[in-house]
Amino acid sequence: MTESEYATDAMFKSPAALARLYPALVQQGIQHFGSTDVLRFLGHKTRANGRVHGNHQGEVLSRRKRRPEGLRLKHQANGSYRYQLTRQGRQIVTALLAARQADVEKLMAMVA
């Protein structure tokens, strides 16, 4: 196994309730989450002062994209990513994909 995924769903009573809130959530995520936040979300160590460790190598990317399912926000670093999208107008899906081999090996050791 080379990757693992964890996902959560948040359901809304109506598509209208989600439609009012979701664009603001995506905008907040793209404007206010910096590289240190993204690294922390993805399980990387960060300094207490909010800075990235000096030995970190790789890019940290944040993207907002309109897809057929709706608006998607994606944060990515070193092969791992976290994304948020709407599904069927009533649901927010948040998924974390960890594609780092060390993480997968730890996961496999825990379930063995």
Protein backbone atom coordinates (compact mmCIF):
# COMPACT_ATOMS: atom_id res chain seq x y z
CA MET A 1 0.00 0.00 0.00
CA THR A 2 1.41 3.40 -0.96
CA GLU A 3 -1.29 5.77 0.23
CA SER A 4 -4.06 6.12 2.80
CA GLU A 5 -7.05 8.44 3.12
CA TYR A 6 -9.20 9.76 5.94
CA ALA A 7 -12.39 11.70 5.22
CA THR A 8 -15.18 13.44 7.11
CA ASP A 9 -18.54 14.71 5.86
CA ALA A 10 -20.67 17.58 7.18
CA MET A 11 -24.35 17.49 6.15
CA PHE A 12 -26.59 20.55 5.85
CA LYS A 13 -30.37 20.61 6.07
CA SER A 14 -30.70 22.33 2.71
CA PRO A 15 -28.56 23.16 -0.33
CA ALA A 16 -29.36 26.84 0.26
CA ALA A 17 -27.79 26.77 3.74
CA LEU A 18 -24.60 25.26 2.36
CA ALA A 19 -24.57 27.62 -0.65
CA ARG A 20 -24.64 30.65 1.69
CA LEU A 21 -21.79 29.42 3.90
CA TYR A 22 -19.43 27.46 1.65
CA PRO A 23 -17.91 30.30 -0.46
CA ALA A 24 -16.95 32.13 2.74
CA LEU A 25 -15.31 28.97 4.15
CA VAL A 26 -13.25 28.50 0.99
CA GLN A 27 -12.26 32.18 0.91
CA GLN A 28 -11.22 32.00 4.58
CA GLY A 29 -9.13 28.91 3.88
CA ILE A 30 -7.32 30.40 0.90
CA GLN A 31 -6.66 33.82 2.49
CA HIS A 32 -5.80 32.95 6.07
CA PHE A 33 -4.04 29.56 6.07
CA GLY A 34 -0.31 29.98 5.55
CA SER A 35 2.31 27.37 4.76
CA THR A 36 2.86 26.59 8.45
CA ASP A 37 -0.87 25.90 8.90
CA VAL A 38 -0.92 23.63 5.86
CA LEU A 39 2.13 21.69 7.05
CA ARG A 40 0.59 21.26 10.51
CA PHE A 41 -2.71 20.02 8.96
CA LEU A 42 -0.73 17.45 7.01
CA GLY A 43 1.15 16.15 10.03
CA HIS A 44 4.50 17.92 9.61
CA LYS A 45 6.27 19.38 12.62
CA THR A 46 6.24 23.16 12.87
CA ARG A 47 7.91 25.53 15.29
CA ALA A 48 6.04 27.04 18.23
CA ASN A 49 6.69 30.52 16.81
CA GLY A 50 4.65 29.66 13.72
CA ARG A 51 7.56 29.22 11.34
CA VAL A 52 8.46 26.27 9.17
CA HIS A 53 11.47 24.19 10.24
CA GLY A 54 14.61 25.22 8.36
CA ASN A 55 15.19 21.65 7.18
CA HIS A 56 11.83 21.43 5.37
CA GLN A 57 12.27 20.77 1.68
CA GLY A 58 9.45 20.95 -0.80
CA GLU A 59 6.60 23.15 -1.89
CA VAL A 60 3.45 24.06 -0.01
CA LEU A 61 0.53 24.81 -2.34
CA SER A 62 -3.01 26.05 -1.80
CA ARG A 63 -5.49 26.10 -4.67
CA ARG A 64 -9.10 27.04 -5.20
CA LYS A 65 -10.78 25.48 -8.23
CA ARG A 66 -14.29 25.31 -9.65
CA ARG A 67 -15.11 21.68 -10.49
CA PRO A 68 -18.30 20.06 -11.87
CA GLU A 69 -19.20 19.03 -8.28
CA GLY A 70 -18.65 22.56 -6.98
CA LEU A 71 -15.90 24.73 -5.53
CA ARG A 72 -12.83 22.89 -4.18
CA LEU A 73 -10.09 24.08 -1.82
CA LYS A 74 -6.91 21.98 -1.82
CA HIS A 75 -3.79 22.31 0.37
CA GLN A 76 -0.77 20.21 -0.63
CA ALA A 77 2.78 19.53 0.63
CA ASN A 78 5.30 16.81 -0.26
CA GLY A 79 2.83 14.38 -1.82
CA SER A 80 0.17 14.70 0.88
CA TYR A 81 -2.92 16.83 0.53
CA ARG A 82 -6.11 17.93 2.18
CA TYR A 83 -9.11 19.03 0.20
CA GLN A 84 -12.61 20.27 0.80
CA LEU A 85 -15.45 20.20 -1.71
CA THR A 86 -19.21 20.22 -1.92
CA ARG A 87 -21.15 17.17 -3.01
CA GLN A 88 -24.77 17.09 -4.14
CA GLY A 89 -25.34 20.59 -2.76
CA ARG A 90 -25.93 19.35 0.80
CA GLN A 91 -22.59 18.04 1.97
CA ILE A 92 -19.05 19.26 2.61
CA VAL A 93 -16.46 16.53 2.21
CA THR A 94 -13.04 17.02 3.77
CA ALA A 95 -10.39 14.42 2.99
CA LEU A 96 -6.78 13.99 3.96
CA LEU A 97 -4.61 11.83 1.71
CA ALA A 98 -1.25 10.83 3.10
CA ALA A 99 0.96 9.53 0.35
CA ARG A 100 4.23 9.71 2.24
CA GLN A 101 5.68 6.18 2.49
CA ALA A 102 6.75 6.63 6.13
CA ASP A 103 3.18 7.47 7.14
CA VAL A 104 1.79 4.46 5.30
CA GLU A 105 4.34 2.16 6.93
CA LYS A 106 3.35 3.48 10.39
CA LEU A 107 -0.34 2.95 9.58
CA MET A 108 0.30 -0.63 8.39
CA ALA A 109 2.32 -1.42 11.53
CA MET A 110 -0.57 -0.20 13.72
CA VAL A 111 -3.15 -2.43 12.03
CA ALA A 112 -0.94 -5.52 11.69
